[in-house]
Amino acid sequence: MLYLKEHKKVALHVACGDITNAKIDGDQLIVRSSDGFLVDVLESGRKEIESAIRWQGLDLKFEVVKYESSEQKINKDIKKIENFFGNKVVFED
């Protein structure tokens, strides 16, 4: 992240601070996120991120994986039900 800050890649620097799910698997640094905006920022800054990884002396490929969170899946199911029944679905506790 220091590399990105020093090279004035502010958006990438901030986006990397939002990464909460990352692992090294073989020769890959894999970041997983359900946040579409974060995924887009990381994908668009792939070259800069890979440069930052090499700057650290690591020879890793960078991969971003987007997945649906449980909340996103639930909201998608609610929308399907609303579309099917034609009205707003409200769940009460």
N, C-alpha and C. Protein backbone atom coordinates (compact mmCIF):
# COMPACT_ATOMS: atom_id res chain seq x y z
N MET A 1 0.83 -1.19 0.00
CA MET A 1 0.00 0.00 0.00
C MET A 1 0.87 1.25 0.00
N LEU A 2 2.02 1.18 0.65
CA LEU A 2 2.93 2.32 0.68
C LEU A 2 3.36 2.70 -0.72
N TYR A 3 3.65 1.71 -1.56
CA TYR A 3 4.04 1.96 -2.95
C TYR A 3 2.95 2.77 -3.66
N LEU A 4 1.70 2.36 -3.49
CA LEU A 4 0.59 3.05 -4.15
C LEU A 4 0.45 4.48 -3.66
N LYS A 5 0.63 4.68 -2.37
CA LYS A 5 0.54 6.03 -1.81
C LYS A 5 1.66 6.91 -2.34
N GLU A 6 2.87 6.37 -2.36
CA GLU A 6 4.02 7.13 -2.84
C GLU A 6 3.91 7.47 -4.33
N HIS A 7 3.23 6.63 -5.10
CA HIS A 7 3.07 6.86 -6.53
C HIS A 7 1.75 7.55 -6.85
N LYS A 8 1.14 8.14 -5.83
CA LYS A 8 -0.06 8.96 -5.96
C LYS A 8 -1.24 8.23 -6.61
N LYS A 9 -1.37 6.95 -6.27
CA LYS A 9 -2.51 6.15 -6.71
C LYS A 9 -3.48 6.07 -5.53
N VAL A 10 -4.08 7.23 -5.22
CA VAL A 10 -4.89 7.39 -4.01
C VAL A 10 -6.09 6.44 -3.99
N ALA A 11 -6.81 6.35 -5.10
CA ALA A 11 -8.00 5.48 -5.13
C ALA A 11 -7.62 4.02 -4.87
N LEU A 12 -6.52 3.59 -5.48
CA LEU A 12 -6.07 2.21 -5.24
C LEU A 12 -5.59 2.03 -3.81
N HIS A 13 -4.90 3.03 -3.29
CA HIS A 13 -4.42 2.97 -1.91
C HIS A 13 -5.60 2.79 -0.96
N VAL A 14 -6.65 3.57 -1.14
CA VAL A 14 -7.83 3.49 -0.29
C VAL A 14 -8.55 2.15 -0.52
N ALA A 15 -8.68 1.74 -1.78
CA ALA A 15 -9.36 0.48 -2.09
C ALA A 15 -8.63 -0.70 -1.44
N CYS A 16 -7.32 -0.70 -1.48
CA CYS A 16 -6.56 -1.80 -0.87
C CYS A 16 -6.77 -1.83 0.64
N GLY A 17 -7.03 -0.69 1.24
CA GLY A 17 -7.34 -0.64 2.66
C GLY A 17 -8.68 -1.28 2.99
N ASP A 18 -9.55 -1.43 1.98
CA ASP A 18 -10.86 -2.04 2.18
C ASP A 18 -10.86 -3.55 1.95
N ILE A 19 -9.72 -4.11 1.58
CA ILE A 19 -9.63 -5.55 1.35
C ILE A 19 -9.68 -6.27 2.69
N THR A 20 -10.61 -7.21 2.80
CA THR A 20 -10.73 -7.98 4.04
C THR A 20 -10.58 -9.49 3.81
N ASN A 21 -10.53 -9.90 2.55
CA ASN A 21 -10.46 -11.33 2.24
C ASN A 21 -9.40 -11.54 1.17
N ALA A 22 -8.20 -11.92 1.59
CA ALA A 22 -7.10 -12.14 0.65
C ALA A 22 -6.28 -13.33 1.12
N LYS A 23 -5.72 -14.03 0.14
CA LYS A 23 -4.84 -15.14 0.49
C LYS A 23 -3.82 -15.34 -0.62
N ILE A 24 -2.72 -15.97 -0.26
CA ILE A 24 -1.71 -16.35 -1.24
C ILE A 24 -1.89 -17.83 -1.48
N ASP A 25 -2.07 -18.18 -2.74
CA ASP A 25 -2.24 -19.57 -3.14
C ASP A 25 -1.24 -19.86 -4.26
N GLY A 26 -0.18 -20.56 -3.92
CA GLY A 26 0.88 -20.82 -4.89
C GLY A 26 1.55 -19.53 -5.29
N ASP A 27 1.46 -19.18 -6.56
CA ASP A 27 2.08 -17.94 -7.05
C ASP A 27 1.05 -16.84 -7.28
N GLN A 28 -0.10 -16.93 -6.61
CA GLN A 28 -1.15 -15.94 -6.80
C GLN A 28 -1.56 -15.29 -5.48
N LEU A 29 -1.77 -13.97 -5.54
CA LEU A 29 -2.41 -13.23 -4.46
C LEU A 29 -3.86 -13.08 -4.89
N ILE A 30 -4.76 -13.73 -4.17
CA ILE A 30 -6.17 -13.75 -4.55
C ILE A 30 -6.97 -12.90 -3.55
N VAL A 31 -7.68 -11.91 -4.08
CA VAL A 31 -8.55 -11.06 -3.27
C VAL A 31 -9.98 -11.39 -3.65
N ARG A 32 -10.80 -11.66 -2.64
CA ARG A 32 -12.22 -11.95 -2.86
C ARG A 32 -13.05 -10.83 -2.24
N SER A 33 -14.08 -10.40 -2.98
CA SER A 33 -14.96 -9.35 -2.47
C SER A 33 -16.34 -9.47 -3.09
N SER A 34 -17.34 -9.08 -2.32
CA SER A 34 -18.70 -9.02 -2.85
C SER A 34 -19.05 -7.59 -3.25
N ASP A 35 -18.14 -6.66 -3.02
CA ASP A 35 -18.35 -5.24 -3.33
C ASP A 35 -17.93 -4.99 -4.78
N GLY A 36 -18.92 -4.78 -5.64
CA GLY A 36 -18.66 -4.58 -7.06
C GLY A 36 -17.76 -3.39 -7.34
N PHE A 37 -17.94 -2.30 -6.60
CA PHE A 37 -17.11 -1.11 -6.82
C PHE A 37 -15.66 -1.42 -6.49
N LEU A 38 -15.42 -2.09 -5.37
CA LEU A 38 -14.05 -2.45 -4.98
C LEU A 38 -13.42 -3.36 -6.03
N VAL A 39 -14.16 -4.33 -6.50
CA VAL A 39 -13.65 -5.24 -7.53
C VAL A 39 -13.27 -4.45 -8.78
N ASP A 40 -14.12 -3.52 -9.21
CA ASP A 40 -13.84 -2.72 -10.40
C ASP A 40 -12.58 -1.87 -10.22
N VAL A 41 -12.43 -1.25 -9.06
CA VAL A 41 -11.25 -0.41 -8.81
C VAL A 41 -9.98 -1.26 -8.83
N LEU A 42 -10.03 -2.42 -8.17
CA LEU A 42 -8.86 -3.29 -8.13
C LEU A 42 -8.54 -3.83 -9.52
N GLU A 43 -9.54 -4.20 -10.28
CA GLU A 43 -9.31 -4.70 -11.64
C GLU A 43 -8.70 -3.62 -12.53
N SER A 44 -9.20 -2.40 -12.42
CA SER A 44 -8.68 -1.33 -13.26
C SER A 44 -7.26 -0.92 -12.86
N GLY A 45 -6.88 -1.21 -11.63
CA GLY A 45 -5.54 -0.87 -11.15
C GLY A 45 -4.61 -2.06 -11.07
N ARG A 46 -4.95 -3.11 -11.80
CA ARG A 46 -4.18 -4.36 -11.75
C ARG A 46 -2.68 -4.14 -11.97
N LYS A 47 -2.32 -3.37 -13.01
CA LYS A 47 -0.89 -3.17 -13.32
C LYS A 47 -0.16 -2.49 -12.16
N GLU A 48 -0.79 -1.47 -11.58
CA GLU A 48 -0.17 -0.77 -10.47
C GLU A 48 -0.03 -1.67 -9.24
N ILE A 49 -1.05 -2.49 -8.99
CA ILE A 49 -1.00 -3.40 -7.85
C ILE A 49 0.10 -4.45 -8.05
N GLU A 50 0.19 -4.99 -9.26
CA GLU A 50 1.25 -5.96 -9.54
C GLU A 50 2.63 -5.32 -9.41
N SER A 51 2.76 -4.05 -9.81
CA SER A 51 4.02 -3.33 -9.62
C SER A 51 4.34 -3.19 -8.13
N ALA A 52 3.32 -2.90 -7.33
CA ALA A 52 3.52 -2.76 -5.89
C ALA A 52 3.93 -4.10 -5.26
N ILE A 53 3.36 -5.18 -5.76
CA ILE A 53 3.73 -6.51 -5.26
C ILE A 53 5.19 -6.80 -5.59
N ARG A 54 5.59 -6.52 -6.83
CA ARG A 54 6.99 -6.74 -7.22
C ARG A 54 7.94 -5.84 -6.44
N TRP A 55 7.50 -4.60 -6.15
CA TRP A 55 8.31 -3.66 -5.38
C TRP A 55 8.63 -4.24 -4.01
N GLN A 56 7.72 -5.05 -3.48
CA GLN A 56 7.92 -5.71 -2.19
C GLN A 56 8.83 -6.93 -2.31
N GLY A 57 9.25 -7.25 -3.53
CA GLY A 57 10.12 -8.40 -3.74
C GLY A 57 9.38 -9.71 -3.91
N LEU A 58 8.08 -9.62 -4.15
CA LEU A 58 7.27 -10.83 -4.32
C LEU A 58 6.96 -11.06 -5.79
N ASP A 59 6.99 -12.30 -6.20
CA ASP A 59 6.68 -12.65 -7.58
C ASP A 59 5.33 -13.36 -7.60
N LEU A 60 4.27 -12.56 -7.44
CA LEU A 60 2.92 -13.10 -7.36
C LEU A 60 2.04 -12.49 -8.44
N LYS A 61 1.16 -13.31 -9.00
CA LYS A 61 0.13 -12.80 -9.90
C LYS A 61 -1.02 -12.33 -9.04
N PHE A 62 -1.72 -11.30 -9.50
CA PHE A 62 -2.82 -10.71 -8.75
C PHE A 62 -4.14 -11.12 -9.38
N GLU A 63 -5.05 -11.63 -8.56
CA GLU A 63 -6.36 -12.03 -9.06
C GLU A 63 -7.45 -11.48 -8.13
N VAL A 64 -8.52 -10.99 -8.74
CA VAL A 64 -9.67 -10.50 -7.98
C VAL A 64 -10.86 -11.39 -8.32
N VAL A 65 -11.53 -11.88 -7.28
CA VAL A 65 -12.68 -12.76 -7.45
C VAL A 65 -13.89 -12.09 -6.82
N LYS A 66 -14.94 -11.91 -7.61
CA LYS A 66 -16.18 -11.33 -7.08
C LYS A 66 -17.13 -12.46 -6.72
N TYR A 67 -17.76 -12.35 -5.58
CA TYR A 67 -18.74 -13.34 -5.16
C TYR A 67 -19.96 -12.62 -4.59
N GLU A 68 -21.06 -13.36 -4.51
CA GLU A 68 -22.28 -12.80 -3.92
C GLU A 68 -22.30 -13.11 -2.44
N SER A 69 -22.51 -12.08 -1.64
CA SER A 69 -22.63 -12.29 -0.20
C SER A 69 -24.00 -12.88 0.11
N SER A 70 -24.15 -13.41 1.31
CA SER A 70 -25.45 -13.97 1.73
C SER A 70 -26.54 -12.92 1.65
N GLU A 71 -26.23 -11.70 2.08
CA GLU A 71 -27.21 -10.61 2.05
C GLU A 71 -27.63 -10.30 0.61
N GLN A 72 -26.67 -10.30 -0.31
CA GLN A 72 -27.00 -10.02 -1.71
C GLN A 72 -27.89 -11.12 -2.28
N LYS A 73 -27.62 -12.37 -1.91
CA LYS A 73 -28.45 -13.48 -2.38
C LYS A 73 -29.87 -13.37 -1.84
N ILE A 74 -30.00 -13.01 -0.57
CA ILE A 74 -31.32 -12.85 0.04
C ILE A 74 -32.08 -11.73 -0.66
N ASN A 75 -31.42 -10.59 -0.88
CA ASN A 75 -32.08 -9.46 -1.54
C ASN A 75 -32.50 -9.82 -2.96
N LYS A 76 -31.68 -10.61 -3.66
CA LYS A 76 -32.03 -11.04 -5.00
C LYS A 76 -33.27 -11.94 -4.96
N ASP A 77 -33.35 -12.84 -3.98
CA ASP A 77 -34.51 -13.72 -3.83
C ASP A 77 -35.76 -12.92 -3.51
N ILE A 78 -35.63 -11.90 -2.64
CA ILE A 78 -36.78 -11.05 -2.30
C ILE A 78 -37.29 -10.35 -3.56
N LYS A 79 -36.39 -9.84 -4.39
CA LYS A 79 -36.80 -9.17 -5.64
C LYS A 79 -37.56 -10.14 -6.55
N LYS A 80 -37.07 -11.38 -6.64
CA LYS A 80 -37.75 -12.37 -7.47
C LYS A 80 -39.17 -12.62 -6.96
N ILE A 81 -39.31 -12.74 -5.65
CA ILE A 81 -40.63 -12.97 -5.05
C ILE A 81 -41.54 -11.77 -5.29
N GLU A 82 -40.99 -10.56 -5.12
CA GLU A 82 -41.79 -9.34 -5.37
C GLU A 82 -42.25 -9.29 -6.81
N ASN A 83 -41.36 -9.62 -7.73
CA ASN A 83 -41.73 -9.60 -9.15
C ASN A 83 -42.80 -10.65 -9.46
N PHE A 84 -42.70 -11.79 -8.82
CA PHE A 84 -43.65 -12.86 -9.05
C PHE A 84 -45.04 -12.50 -8.54
N PHE A 85 -45.10 -11.93 -7.32
CA PHE A 85 -46.38 -11.61 -6.70
C PHE A 85 -46.85 -10.20 -7.00
N GLY A 86 -45.97 -9.36 -7.51
CA GLY A 86 -46.37 -8.02 -7.92
C GLY A 86 -46.58 -7.03 -6.80
N ASN A 87 -46.09 -7.31 -5.61
CA ASN A 87 -46.21 -6.34 -4.53
C ASN A 87 -44.99 -6.44 -3.62
N LYS A 88 -44.90 -5.52 -2.71
CA LYS A 88 -43.76 -5.45 -1.81
C LYS A 88 -43.86 -6.53 -0.76
N VAL A 89 -42.76 -7.27 -0.58
CA VAL A 89 -42.71 -8.33 0.41
C VAL A 89 -42.09 -7.75 1.68
N VAL A 90 -42.77 -7.90 2.81
CA VAL A 90 -42.27 -7.42 4.09
C VAL A 90 -42.17 -8.60 5.04
N PHE A 91 -41.01 -8.76 5.61
CA PHE A 91 -40.81 -9.83 6.60
C PHE A 91 -40.82 -9.19 7.97
N GLU A 92 -41.64 -9.73 8.85
CA GLU A 92 -41.74 -9.21 10.21
C GLU A 92 -41.08 -10.17 11.17
N ASP A 93 -40.50 -9.63 12.22
CA ASP A 93 -39.84 -10.45 13.24
C ASP A 93 -40.85 -11.10 14.15
